[in-house]
Amino acid sequence: MKNNFTHSVDYARRSMTTTTSEMINIVTFSAITIVNALPCGRGSALAIDIPTHIVIKTSDRDYIDSADSDTLQKFVNMYRRELGIEDRFTISVRSCIPSGSGLKSSSSVTSGIAIGIAALSKPEMKIEDCIKISCKICKKLGISYTGALDDATASVIGGLVYTINDEYRIDSIVDVDDDLKVLIMIFNNWQRPRDLVERFRNMRNDPKIRNIFEKIYNLAFKNPLEAASLNTIYMSILLGYDLNLIYRIQREFKPTATLLSGNGPAIAVLDSDVEKLYNVLKSFRDKLSFFRICRTLPQLRMPNEEVSKYFKSTSRLMLHLKAELR
């Protein structure tokens, strides 16, 4: 794809004037990987319409309703200290993103909680600052190896995101069309390698690998999906995944791209022809533990805006899409 990512947006955007409220409803999103940040500290991600719903209320005590409540409580405690607040919160998390799949489930939850808490207790905070603090805490807690600034930014802001994760700096955010649809597939027999952390260290400590991924990152500004395809080949080799399946999908169905997202095992098949994606799904349906056809997301927020611009009691962080494909 030479330039499917354009600056035209057809989605309505909501501008709100708010004050601190006692309850916030938040929707963050999934994303797929364009360039994995692990090898060189630079990453790129494209937001897609698989949502995480979070409700946060001020309370007299903390309570987190989530499958990973212990880790999230540690996150909230550290974030509260960073913000210098004493407020307590009841937090409910419901995510449509499969965990441990490479689809940014952790980033969507932690960044959403960070912005929701700020909306209730520090409404003057910038969205970008909330995301960055969230990523630093995630790195300290071991939730993410790099802090995943690319993933968290795409989850909250939308669009096609480029970040320098090692510096906690957003390099660029590009608006995108929703002409490109995405089929997400997780195969029953694809699992992450057991020595994943060791492989991460090896990538980071190898100057040749770092140099390759720096070049892929630079290419991503000119041709995102060509860069994403190269990222898929190299990351699959480094993580020990079999590329034959990806090659087979490309050969038989000729989609725009077939990509490994994150550290896997999720595979994203991209094309503007929905029927083509359904044909891919039909061929592999009995081998999948998860699948979904969804849209890419345009840029939905400006990172340097205060959270108070977008929040009020019971408001949603992002307008949800009229997804006929869901």
C-alpha atoms as a PDB file:
ATOM      1  CA  MET A   1       0.000   0.000   0.000  1.00  0.00           C
ATOM      2  CA  LYS A   2       1.615   3.231  -1.126  1.00  0.00           C
ATOM      3  CA  ASN A   3      -0.709   5.787   0.408  1.00  0.00           C
ATOM      4  CA  ASN A   4      -3.893   4.291   1.811  1.00  0.00           C
ATOM      5  CA  PHE A   5      -3.268   6.321   4.950  1.00  0.00           C
ATOM      6  CA  THR A   6      -4.676   9.781   4.200  1.00  0.00           C
ATOM      7  CA  HIS A   7      -5.699  12.778   6.207  1.00  0.00           C
ATOM      8  CA  SER A   8      -9.407  12.708   5.389  1.00  0.00           C
ATOM      9  CA  VAL A   9     -11.764  11.844   8.234  1.00  0.00           C
ATOM     10  CA  ASP A  10     -15.508  11.317   7.971  1.00  0.00           C
ATOM     11  CA  TYR A  11     -16.128  10.676  11.661  1.00  0.00           C
ATOM     12  CA  ALA A  12     -17.847  13.280  13.798  1.00  0.00           C
ATOM     13  CA  ARG A  13     -15.671  14.531  16.642  1.00  0.00           C
ATOM     14  CA  ARG A  14     -17.031  15.645  19.933  1.00  0.00           C
ATOM     15  CA  SER A  15     -15.819  18.746  21.757  1.00  0.00           C
ATOM     16  CA  MET A  16     -16.839  18.971  25.396  1.00  0.00           C
ATOM     17  CA  THR A  17     -16.373  21.402  28.232  1.00  0.00           C
ATOM     18  CA  THR A  18     -16.311  19.503  31.506  1.00  0.00           C
ATOM     19  CA  THR A  19     -15.536  19.606  35.152  1.00  0.00           C
ATOM     20  CA  THR A  20     -14.510  16.858  37.501  1.00  0.00           C
ATOM     21  CA  SER A  21     -17.320  14.335  37.780  1.00  0.00           C
ATOM     22  CA  GLU A  22     -17.871  11.280  39.926  1.00  0.00           C
ATOM     23  CA  MET A  23     -18.138   8.761  37.095  1.00  0.00           C
ATOM     24  CA  ILE A  24     -16.448   8.396  33.709  1.00  0.00           C
ATOM     25  CA  ASN A  25     -17.231   5.923  30.922  1.00  0.00           C
ATOM     26  CA  ILE A  26     -14.230   5.254  28.698  1.00  0.00           C
ATOM     27  CA  VAL A  27     -13.723   3.381  25.461  1.00  0.00           C
ATOM     28  CA  THR A  28     -10.223   2.625  24.253  1.00  0.00           C
ATOM     29  CA  PHE A  29      -9.268   0.404  21.350  1.00  0.00           C
ATOM     30  CA  SER A  30      -7.041  -2.318  20.018  1.00  0.00           C
ATOM     31  CA  ALA A  31      -4.230  -1.769  17.508  1.00  0.00           C
ATOM     32  CA  ILE A  32      -2.083  -3.804  15.168  1.00  0.00           C
ATOM     33  CA  THR A  33       1.663  -3.528  14.814  1.00  0.00           C
ATOM     34  CA  ILE A  34       3.331  -1.722  11.951  1.00  0.00           C
ATOM     35  CA  VAL A  35       6.813  -1.759  13.510  1.00  0.00           C
ATOM     36  CA  ASN A  36       7.618  -3.655  16.709  1.00  0.00           C
ATOM     37  CA  ALA A  37       9.410  -1.408  19.222  1.00  0.00           C
ATOM     38  CA  LEU A  38      11.283  -4.219  20.965  1.00  0.00           C
ATOM     39  CA  PRO A  39      14.430  -4.382  18.818  1.00  0.00           C
ATOM     40  CA  CYS A  40      15.256  -0.669  18.532  1.00  0.00           C
ATOM     41  CA  GLY A  41      12.956   1.265  20.869  1.00  0.00           C
ATOM     42  CA  ARG A  42      10.994   2.798  17.998  1.00  0.00           C
ATOM     43  CA  GLY A  43       7.498   1.562  17.234  1.00  0.00           C
ATOM     44  CA  SER A  44       4.465   2.134  15.073  1.00  0.00           C
ATOM     45  CA  ALA A  45       0.890   0.932  15.558  1.00  0.00           C
ATOM     46  CA  LEU A  46      -2.425   1.307  13.725  1.00  0.00           C
ATOM     47  CA  ALA A  47      -5.622   1.605  15.774  1.00  0.00           C
ATOM     48  CA  ILE A  48      -8.471  -0.794  14.979  1.00  0.00           C
ATOM     49  CA  ASP A  49     -12.063  -1.000  16.179  1.00  0.00           C
ATOM     50  CA  ILE A  50     -11.972  -3.671  18.876  1.00  0.00           C
ATOM     51  CA  PRO A  51     -13.015  -1.867  22.066  1.00  0.00           C
ATOM     52  CA  THR A  52     -12.275  -1.946  25.768  1.00  0.00           C
ATOM     53  CA  HIS A  53     -14.977  -0.452  28.002  1.00  0.00           C
ATOM     54  CA  ILE A  54     -13.970   1.026  31.347  1.00  0.00           C
ATOM     55  CA  VAL A  55     -16.153   2.637  34.007  1.00  0.00           C
ATOM     56  CA  ILE A  56     -14.418   4.578  36.804  1.00  0.00           C
ATOM     57  CA  LYS A  57     -16.180   6.060  39.824  1.00  0.00           C
ATOM     58  CA  THR A  58     -14.817   7.955  42.801  1.00  0.00           C
ATOM     59  CA  SER A  59     -15.365   5.878  45.916  1.00  0.00           C
ATOM     60  CA  ASP A  60     -14.473   5.591  49.592  1.00  0.00           C
ATOM     61  CA  ARG A  61     -12.275   2.566  48.778  1.00  0.00           C
ATOM     62  CA  ASP A  62     -10.561   0.972  45.833  1.00  0.00           C
ATOM     63  CA  TYR A  63     -12.226  -1.874  43.994  1.00  0.00           C
ATOM     64  CA  ILE A  64     -11.249  -3.196  40.556  1.00  0.00           C
ATOM     65  CA  ASP A  65     -13.546  -5.550  38.680  1.00  0.00           C
ATOM     66  CA  SER A  66     -11.193  -7.153  36.176  1.00  0.00           C
ATOM     67  CA  ALA A  67      -9.551 -10.473  35.422  1.00  0.00           C
ATOM     68  CA  ASP A  68      -6.178  -8.969  36.423  1.00  0.00           C
ATOM     69  CA  SER A  69      -7.268  -6.869  39.381  1.00  0.00           C
ATOM     70  CA  ASP A  70      -4.070  -7.340  41.437  1.00  0.00           C
ATOM     71  CA  THR A  71      -1.788  -5.963  38.725  1.00  0.00           C
ATOM     72  CA  LEU A  72      -4.203  -3.150  37.941  1.00  0.00           C
ATOM     73  CA  GLN A  73      -4.363  -2.197  41.616  1.00  0.00           C
ATOM     74  CA  LYS A  74      -0.573  -1.854  41.654  1.00  0.00           C
ATOM     75  CA  PHE A  75      -0.859   0.271  38.537  1.00  0.00           C
ATOM     76  CA  VAL A  76      -3.500   2.514  40.129  1.00  0.00           C
ATOM     77  CA  ASN A  77      -1.433   2.905  43.309  1.00  0.00           C
ATOM     78  CA  MET A  78       1.649   4.005  41.351  1.00  0.00           C
ATOM     79  CA  TYR A  79      -0.354   6.290  39.078  1.00  0.00           C
ATOM     80  CA  ARG A  80      -2.082   7.900  42.046  1.00  0.00           C
ATOM     81  CA  ARG A  81       1.321   8.658  43.588  1.00  0.00           C
ATOM     82  CA  GLU A  82       2.536  10.161  40.313  1.00  0.00           C
ATOM     83  CA  LEU A  83      -0.493  12.459  40.183  1.00  0.00           C
ATOM     84  CA  GLY A  84      -0.296  13.315  43.882  1.00  0.00           C
ATOM     85  CA  ILE A  85      -3.931  12.466  44.570  1.00  0.00           C
ATOM     86  CA  GLU A  86      -5.646  10.576  47.379  1.00  0.00           C
ATOM     87  CA  ASP A  87      -8.934   9.765  45.669  1.00  0.00           C
ATOM     88  CA  ARG A  88     -10.119   6.152  45.658  1.00  0.00           C
ATOM     89  CA  PHE A  89     -11.828   4.507  42.735  1.00  0.00           C
ATOM     90  CA  THR A  90     -14.154   1.724  41.730  1.00  0.00           C
ATOM     91  CA  ILE A  91     -13.070   0.492  38.313  1.00  0.00           C
ATOM     92  CA  SER A  92     -14.867  -1.933  36.014  1.00  0.00           C
ATOM     93  CA  VAL A  93     -13.098  -3.276  32.922  1.00  0.00           C
ATOM     94  CA  ARG A  94     -14.767  -5.137  30.058  1.00  0.00           C
ATOM     95  CA  SER A  95     -12.581  -5.785  27.041  1.00  0.00           C
ATOM     96  CA  CYS A  96     -13.315  -7.373  23.671  1.00  0.00           C
ATOM     97  CA  ILE A  97      -9.557  -7.684  23.026  1.00  0.00           C
ATOM     98  CA  PRO A  98      -8.103 -11.155  23.676  1.00  0.00           C
ATOM     99  CA  SER A  99      -5.254 -10.947  26.183  1.00  0.00           C
ATOM    100  CA  GLY A 100      -1.727 -12.112  25.417  1.00  0.00           C
ATOM    101  CA  SER A 101      -2.372 -11.954  21.685  1.00  0.00           C
ATOM    102  CA  GLY A 102      -0.346  -8.999  20.441  1.00  0.00           C
ATOM    103  CA  LEU A 103      -3.461  -6.833  20.079  1.00  0.00           C
ATOM    104  CA  LYS A 104      -2.577  -4.309  22.816  1.00  0.00           C
ATOM    105  CA  SER A 105      -5.057  -5.459  25.444  1.00  0.00           C
ATOM    106  CA  SER A 106      -2.877  -4.299  28.362  1.00  0.00           C
ATOM    107  CA  SER A 107      -2.202  -0.908  26.801  1.00  0.00           C
ATOM    108  CA  SER A 108      -5.890  -0.297  26.129  1.00  0.00           C
ATOM    109  CA  VAL A 109      -6.773  -1.029  29.762  1.00  0.00           C
ATOM    110  CA  THR A 110      -3.942   0.813  31.529  1.00  0.00           C
ATOM    111  CA  SER A 111      -4.056   3.908  29.306  1.00  0.00           C
ATOM    112  CA  GLY A 112      -7.845   4.048  29.635  1.00  0.00           C
ATOM    113  CA  ILE A 113      -7.652   3.829  33.418  1.00  0.00           C
ATOM    114  CA  ALA A 114      -4.946   6.506  33.480  1.00  0.00           C
ATOM    115  CA  ILE A 115      -7.026   8.956  31.482  1.00  0.00           C
ATOM    116  CA  GLY A 116     -10.199   8.157  33.418  1.00  0.00           C
ATOM    117  CA  ILE A 117      -8.524   8.819  36.769  1.00  0.00           C
ATOM    118  CA  ALA A 118      -7.099  12.074  35.451  1.00  0.00           C
ATOM    119  CA  ALA A 119     -10.529  13.105  34.172  1.00  0.00           C
ATOM    120  CA  LEU A 120     -11.946  12.640  37.667  1.00  0.00           C
ATOM    121  CA  SER A 121      -9.063  14.053  39.728  1.00  0.00           C
ATOM    122  CA  LYS A 122      -6.738  16.064  37.448  1.00  0.00           C
ATOM    123  CA  PRO A 123      -8.862  17.334  34.538  1.00  0.00           C
ATOM    124  CA  GLU A 124      -6.190  19.866  33.537  1.00  0.00           C
ATOM    125  CA  MET A 125      -3.744  17.095  32.608  1.00  0.00           C
ATOM    126  CA  LYS A 126      -2.840  16.628  28.948  1.00  0.00           C
ATOM    127  CA  ILE A 127      -3.885  13.359  27.329  1.00  0.00           C
ATOM    128  CA  GLU A 128      -0.323  12.783  26.155  1.00  0.00           C
ATOM    129  CA  ASP A 129       1.038  13.141  29.709  1.00  0.00           C
ATOM    130  CA  CYS A 130      -1.471  10.604  31.038  1.00  0.00           C
ATOM    131  CA  ILE A 131      -0.401   8.106  28.390  1.00  0.00           C
ATOM    132  CA  LYS A 132       3.316   8.635  29.038  1.00  0.00           C
ATOM    133  CA  ILE A 133       2.993   8.211  32.800  1.00  0.00           C
ATOM    134  CA  SER A 134       0.922   5.087  32.192  1.00  0.00           C
ATOM    135  CA  CYS A 135       3.621   3.623  29.928  1.00  0.00           C
ATOM    136  CA  LYS A 136       6.409   4.356  32.419  1.00  0.00           C
ATOM    137  CA  ILE A 137       4.470   2.551  35.137  1.00  0.00           C
ATOM    138  CA  CYS A 138       3.745  -0.396  32.822  1.00  0.00           C
ATOM    139  CA  LYS A 139       7.467  -0.748  32.163  1.00  0.00           C
ATOM    140  CA  LYS A 140       8.280  -0.619  35.890  1.00  0.00           C
ATOM    141  CA  LEU A 141       5.633  -3.245  36.629  1.00  0.00           C
ATOM    142  CA  GLY A 142       6.794  -5.510  33.803  1.00  0.00           C
ATOM    143  CA  ILE A 143       3.473  -5.227  31.979  1.00  0.00           C
ATOM    144  CA  SER A 144       5.367  -4.091  28.908  1.00  0.00           C
ATOM    145  CA  TYR A 145       9.039  -4.519  27.990  1.00  0.00           C
ATOM    146  CA  THR A 146       9.334  -1.068  26.337  1.00  0.00           C
ATOM    147  CA  GLY A 147       6.423   0.738  27.994  1.00  0.00           C
ATOM    148  CA  ALA A 148       4.493   0.371  24.704  1.00  0.00           C
ATOM    149  CA  LEU A 149       3.987   4.059  24.036  1.00  0.00           C
ATOM    150  CA  ASP A 150       3.066   3.268  20.420  1.00  0.00           C
ATOM    151  CA  ASP A 151       0.352   0.826  21.471  1.00  0.00           C
ATOM    152  CA  ALA A 152      -1.069   3.038  24.232  1.00  0.00           C
ATOM    153  CA  THR A 153      -1.143   6.117  22.016  1.00  0.00           C
ATOM    154  CA  ALA A 154      -2.922   4.275  19.208  1.00  0.00           C
ATOM    155  CA  SER A 155      -5.380   2.847  21.729  1.00  0.00           C
ATOM    156  CA  VAL A 156      -6.378   6.274  23.043  1.00  0.00           C
ATOM    157  CA  ILE A 157      -5.683   8.678  20.174  1.00  0.00           C
ATOM    158  CA  GLY A 158      -6.415   6.437  17.192  1.00  0.00           C
ATOM    159  CA  GLY A 159      -4.823   6.713  13.764  1.00  0.00           C
ATOM    160  CA  LEU A 160      -1.400   5.544  12.679  1.00  0.00           C
ATOM    161  CA  VAL A 161       1.098   6.261  15.437  1.00  0.00           C
ATOM    162  CA  TYR A 162       4.902   6.535  15.410  1.00  0.00           C
ATOM    163  CA  THR A 163       6.761   6.756  18.720  1.00  0.00           C
ATOM    164  CA  ILE A 164      10.249   6.749  20.223  1.00  0.00           C
ATOM    165  CA  ASN A 165       9.426   4.437  23.106  1.00  0.00           C
ATOM    166  CA  ASP A 166      12.828   4.663  24.785  1.00  0.00           C
ATOM    167  CA  GLU A 167      12.361   8.435  25.112  1.00  0.00           C
ATOM    168  CA  TYR A 168       8.598   8.341  25.771  1.00  0.00           C
ATOM    169  CA  ARG A 169       8.129  10.637  22.787  1.00  0.00           C
ATOM    170  CA  ILE A 170       5.403  10.670  20.149  1.00  0.00           C
ATOM    171  CA  ASP A 171       7.087  11.102  16.788  1.00  0.00           C
ATOM    172  CA  SER A 172       3.997  11.462  14.588  1.00  0.00           C
ATOM    173  CA  ILE A 173       0.295  10.657  14.376  1.00  0.00           C
ATOM    174  CA  VAL A 174      -1.269  10.254  10.935  1.00  0.00           C
ATOM    175  CA  ASP A 175      -4.983  10.310  10.216  1.00  0.00           C
ATOM    176  CA  VAL A 176      -6.263   7.302   8.276  1.00  0.00           C
ATOM    177  CA  ASP A 177      -9.206   6.317   6.128  1.00  0.00           C
ATOM    178  CA  ASP A 178     -11.402   3.420   7.159  1.00  0.00           C
ATOM    179  CA  ASP A 179     -11.385   1.997   3.614  1.00  0.00           C
ATOM    180  CA  LEU A 180      -8.940  -0.649   4.790  1.00  0.00           C
ATOM    181  CA  LYS A 181     -10.620  -3.435   6.771  1.00  0.00           C
ATOM    182  CA  VAL A 182      -8.822  -5.854   9.057  1.00  0.00           C
ATOM    183  CA  LEU A 183      -9.423  -9.549   9.709  1.00  0.00           C
ATOM    184  CA  ILE A 184      -7.909 -10.591  13.026  1.00  0.00           C
ATOM    185  CA  MET A 185      -7.206 -14.307  13.475  1.00  0.00           C
ATOM    186  CA  ILE A 186      -5.685 -16.245  16.355  1.00  0.00           C
ATOM    187  CA  PHE A 187      -4.901 -19.841  15.489  1.00  0.00           C
ATOM    188  CA  ASN A 188      -5.359 -22.650  17.988  1.00  0.00           C
ATOM    189  CA  ASN A 189      -1.850 -24.031  17.491  1.00  0.00           C
ATOM    190  CA  TRP A 190       0.081 -20.731  17.554  1.00  0.00           C
ATOM    191  CA  GLN A 191       1.653 -19.923  20.907  1.00  0.00           C
ATOM    192  CA  ARG A 192       4.294 -17.509  22.057  1.00  0.00           C
ATOM    193  CA  PRO A 193       7.707 -19.027  22.726  1.00  0.00           C
ATOM    194  CA  ARG A 194       8.409 -19.911  26.359  1.00  0.00           C
ATOM    195  CA  ASP A 195      11.700 -18.009  26.325  1.00  0.00           C
ATOM    196  CA  LEU A 196      10.065 -14.797  25.134  1.00  0.00           C
ATOM    197  CA  VAL A 197      11.872 -12.473  27.562  1.00  0.00           C
ATOM    198  CA  GLU A 198      15.234 -13.994  26.679  1.00  0.00           C
ATOM    199  CA  ARG A 199      14.507 -13.424  23.009  1.00  0.00           C
ATOM    200  CA  PHE A 200      13.637  -9.802  23.791  1.00  0.00           C
ATOM    201  CA  ARG A 201      17.010  -9.319  25.476  1.00  0.00           C
ATOM    202  CA  ASN A 202      18.830 -10.877  22.561  1.00  0.00           C
ATOM    203  CA  MET A 203      17.107  -8.524  20.115  1.00  0.00           C
ATOM    204  CA  ARG A 204      18.001  -5.490  22.178  1.00  0.00           C
ATOM    205  CA  ASN A 205      21.622  -6.518  22.574  1.00  0.00           C
ATOM    206  CA  ASP A 206      22.239  -7.255  18.886  1.00  0.00           C
ATOM    207  CA  PRO A 207      23.352  -4.087  17.003  1.00  0.00           C
ATOM    208  CA  LYS A 208      22.604  -5.688  13.614  1.00  0.00           C
ATOM    209  CA  ILE A 209      19.001  -6.388  14.571  1.00  0.00           C
ATOM    210  CA  ARG A 210      18.638  -2.903  16.007  1.00  0.00           C
ATOM    211  CA  ASN A 211      19.956  -1.383  12.783  1.00  0.00           C
ATOM    212  CA  ILE A 212      17.535  -3.429  10.667  1.00  0.00           C
ATOM    213  CA  PHE A 213      14.537  -2.296  12.683  1.00  0.00           C
ATOM    214  CA  GLU A 214      15.639   1.336  12.663  1.00  0.00           C
ATOM    215  CA  LYS A 215      15.579   1.116   8.861  1.00  0.00           C
ATOM    216  CA  ILE A 216      12.145  -0.537   8.947  1.00  0.00           C
ATOM    217  CA  TYR A 217      10.886   2.247  11.224  1.00  0.00           C
ATOM    218  CA  ASN A 218      12.161   4.929   8.842  1.00  0.00           C
ATOM    219  CA  LEU A 219      10.569   3.119   5.891  1.00  0.00           C
ATOM    220  CA  ALA A 220       7.227   3.091   7.727  1.00  0.00           C
ATOM    221  CA  PHE A 221       6.847   6.846   7.247  1.00  0.00           C
ATOM    222  CA  LYS A 222       6.928   6.377   3.458  1.00  0.00           C
ATOM    223  CA  ASN A 223       5.208   3.012   3.071  1.00  0.00           C
ATOM    224  CA  PRO A 224       3.607   1.727   6.297  1.00  0.00           C
ATOM    225  CA  LEU A 225       2.448  -1.649   5.017  1.00  0.00           C
ATOM    226  CA  GLU A 226       5.685  -2.490   3.249  1.00  0.00           C
ATOM    227  CA  ALA A 227       7.460  -1.747   6.521  1.00  0.00           C
ATOM    228  CA  ALA A 228       4.864  -3.816   8.400  1.00  0.00           C
ATOM    229  CA  SER A 229       5.448  -6.764   6.064  1.00  0.00           C
ATOM    230  CA  LEU A 230       9.203  -6.597   6.676  1.00  0.00           C
ATOM    231  CA  ASN A 231       8.550  -6.306  10.405  1.00  0.00           C
ATOM    232  CA  THR A 232       6.392  -9.444  10.189  1.00  0.00           C
ATOM    233  CA  ILE A 233       9.103 -11.456   8.445  1.00  0.00           C
ATOM    234  CA  TYR A 234      11.879 -10.472  10.850  1.00  0.00           C
ATOM    235  CA  MET A 235       9.801 -10.735  14.039  1.00  0.00           C
ATOM    236  CA  SER A 236       8.422 -14.135  13.001  1.00  0.00           C
ATOM    237  CA  ILE A 237      11.961 -15.412  12.502  1.00  0.00           C
ATOM    238  CA  LEU A 238      13.183 -13.897  15.768  1.00  0.00           C
ATOM    239  CA  LEU A 239      10.243 -15.354  17.713  1.00  0.00           C
ATOM    240  CA  GLY A 240      10.329 -18.734  15.996  1.00  0.00           C
ATOM    241  CA  TYR A 241       6.965 -18.515  14.211  1.00  0.00           C
ATOM    242  CA  ASP A 242       6.287 -20.421  11.003  1.00  0.00           C
ATOM    243  CA  LEU A 243       5.936 -17.962   8.118  1.00  0.00           C
ATOM    244  CA  ASN A 244       4.371 -20.537   5.785  1.00  0.00           C
ATOM    245  CA  LEU A 245       0.854 -19.673   6.930  1.00  0.00           C
ATOM    246  CA  ILE A 246       1.368 -15.976   6.222  1.00  0.00           C
ATOM    247  CA  TYR A 247       2.897 -16.764   2.831  1.00  0.00           C
ATOM    248  CA  ARG A 248      -0.025 -19.072   2.041  1.00  0.00           C
ATOM    249  CA  ILE A 249      -2.602 -16.386   2.806  1.00  0.00           C
ATOM    250  CA  GLN A 250      -0.750 -13.892   0.625  1.00  0.00           C
ATOM    251  CA  ARG A 251      -0.340 -16.366  -2.232  1.00  0.00           C
ATOM    252  CA  GLU A 252      -3.890 -17.760  -2.280  1.00  0.00           C
ATOM    253  CA  PHE A 253      -5.966 -14.678  -1.456  1.00  0.00           C
ATOM    254  CA  LYS A 254      -3.659 -11.776  -2.394  1.00  0.00           C
ATOM    255  CA  PRO A 255      -4.777  -9.356   0.325  1.00  0.00           C
ATOM    256  CA  THR A 256      -3.098  -5.977   0.700  1.00  0.00           C
ATOM    257  CA  ALA A 257      -1.050  -7.355   3.604  1.00  0.00           C
ATOM    258  CA  THR A 258      -0.855 -10.198   6.105  1.00  0.00           C
ATOM    259  CA  LEU A 259       0.874  -9.152   9.317  1.00  0.00           C
ATOM    260  CA  LEU A 260       2.005 -10.482  12.675  1.00  0.00           C
ATOM    261  CA  SER A 261       0.715  -8.144  15.378  1.00  0.00           C
ATOM    262  CA  GLY A 262       2.930  -7.428  18.367  1.00  0.00           C
ATOM    263  CA  ASN A 263       4.657 -10.559  19.594  1.00  0.00           C
ATOM    264  CA  GLY A 264       1.844 -12.695  18.236  1.00  0.00           C
ATOM    265  CA  PRO A 265       0.112 -14.943  17.949  1.00  0.00           C
ATOM    266  CA  ALA A 266      -2.537 -12.666  16.365  1.00  0.00           C
ATOM    267  CA  ILE A 267      -2.406 -12.324  12.586  1.00  0.00           C
ATOM    268  CA  ALA A 268      -3.982  -9.343  10.813  1.00  0.00           C
ATOM    269  CA  VAL A 269      -5.114  -9.620   7.185  1.00  0.00           C
ATOM    270  CA  LEU A 270      -5.747  -6.209   5.597  1.00  0.00           C
ATOM    271  CA  ASP A 271      -7.725  -5.375   2.474  1.00  0.00           C
ATOM    272  CA  SER A 272     -10.426  -2.982   1.282  1.00  0.00           C
ATOM    273  CA  ASP A 273     -12.453  -5.910  -0.086  1.00  0.00           C
ATOM    274  CA  VAL A 274     -14.509  -7.341   2.770  1.00  0.00           C
ATOM    275  CA  GLU A 275     -15.547 -10.371   0.704  1.00  0.00           C
ATOM    276  CA  LYS A 276     -11.903 -11.300   0.313  1.00  0.00           C
ATOM    277  CA  LEU A 277     -11.470 -11.204   4.078  1.00  0.00           C
ATOM    278  CA  TYR A 278     -14.553 -13.388   4.551  1.00  0.00           C
ATOM    279  CA  ASN A 279     -13.067 -15.906   2.106  1.00  0.00           C
ATOM    280  CA  VAL A 280      -9.858 -15.996   4.141  1.00  0.00           C
ATOM    281  CA  LEU A 281     -11.884 -16.489   7.315  1.00  0.00           C
ATOM    282  CA  LYS A 282     -13.957 -19.255   5.715  1.00  0.00           C
ATOM    283  CA  SER A 283     -10.783 -21.180   4.852  1.00  0.00           C
ATOM    284  CA  PHE A 284      -9.411 -21.113   8.397  1.00  0.00           C
ATOM    285  CA  ARG A 285     -12.486 -20.794  10.639  1.00  0.00           C
ATOM    286  CA  ASP A 286     -12.220 -24.278  12.187  1.00  0.00           C
ATOM    287  CA  LYS A 287      -8.597 -23.625  13.213  1.00  0.00           C
ATOM    288  CA  LEU A 288      -9.210 -20.361  15.064  1.00  0.00           C
ATOM    289  CA  SER A 289      -9.670 -19.570  18.738  1.00  0.00           C
ATOM    290  CA  PHE A 290     -10.578 -15.940  17.939  1.00  0.00           C
ATOM    291  CA  PHE A 291     -11.519 -13.944  14.858  1.00  0.00           C
ATOM    292  CA  ARG A 292     -12.992 -10.553  14.042  1.00  0.00           C
ATOM    293  CA  ILE A 293     -13.373  -8.311  11.026  1.00  0.00           C
ATOM    294  CA  CYS A 294     -13.141  -4.644  11.971  1.00  0.00           C
ATOM    295  CA  ARG A 295     -12.244  -1.178  10.744  1.00  0.00           C
ATOM    296  CA  THR A 296      -9.113   0.876  11.035  1.00  0.00           C
ATOM    297  CA  LEU A 297      -9.598   3.981  13.180  1.00  0.00           C
ATOM    298  CA  PRO A 298      -8.858   7.600  12.256  1.00  0.00           C
ATOM    299  CA  GLN A 299      -7.189   9.945  14.690  1.00  0.00           C
ATOM    300  CA  LEU A 300      -9.871  10.691  17.263  1.00  0.00           C
ATOM    301  CA  ARG A 301      -8.111  12.957  19.751  1.00  0.00           C
ATOM    302  CA  MET A 302      -5.275  15.473  19.931  1.00  0.00           C
ATOM    303  CA  PRO A 303      -2.559  14.360  22.363  1.00  0.00           C
ATOM    304  CA  ASN A 304      -1.800  17.867  23.658  1.00  0.00           C
ATOM    305  CA  GLU A 305      -5.381  18.620  24.689  1.00  0.00           C
ATOM    306  CA  GLU A 306      -6.459  18.598  28.336  1.00  0.00           C
ATOM    307  CA  VAL A 307      -8.582  15.629  29.344  1.00  0.00           C
ATOM    308  CA  SER A 308     -11.307  18.102  30.354  1.00  0.00           C
ATOM    309  CA  LYS A 309     -11.912  18.894  26.680  1.00  0.00           C
ATOM    310  CA  TYR A 310     -13.263  15.417  26.055  1.00  0.00           C
ATOM    311  CA  PHE A 311     -14.808  14.322  29.345  1.00  0.00           C
ATOM    312  CA  LYS A 312     -17.869  14.845  31.410  1.00  0.00           C
ATOM    313  CA  SER A 313     -19.891  12.569  33.650  1.00  0.00           C
ATOM    314  CA  THR A 314     -21.053   9.441  31.790  1.00  0.00           C
ATOM    315  CA  SER A 315     -19.424  10.639  28.539  1.00  0.00           C
ATOM    316  CA  ARG A 316     -17.440   8.263  26.355  1.00  0.00           C
ATOM    317  CA  LEU A 317     -13.815   8.807  25.528  1.00  0.00           C
ATOM    318  CA  MET A 318     -14.360   8.065  21.864  1.00  0.00           C
ATOM    319  CA  LEU A 319     -17.389   7.933  19.626  1.00  0.00           C
ATOM    320  CA  HIS A 320     -17.941   4.322  18.765  1.00  0.00           C
ATOM    321  CA  LEU A 321     -18.155   3.352  15.125  1.00  0.00           C
ATOM    322  CA  LYS A 322     -21.205   2.194  13.232  1.00  0.00           C
ATOM    323  CA  ALA A 323     -19.555  -1.121  12.572  1.00  0.00           C
ATOM    324  CA  GLU A 324     -21.700  -3.103  10.170  1.00  0.00           C
ATOM    325  CA  LEU A 325     -19.008  -5.769  10.230  1.00  0.00           C
ATOM    326  CA  ARG A 326     -19.177  -6.470  13.924  1.00  0.00           C
END
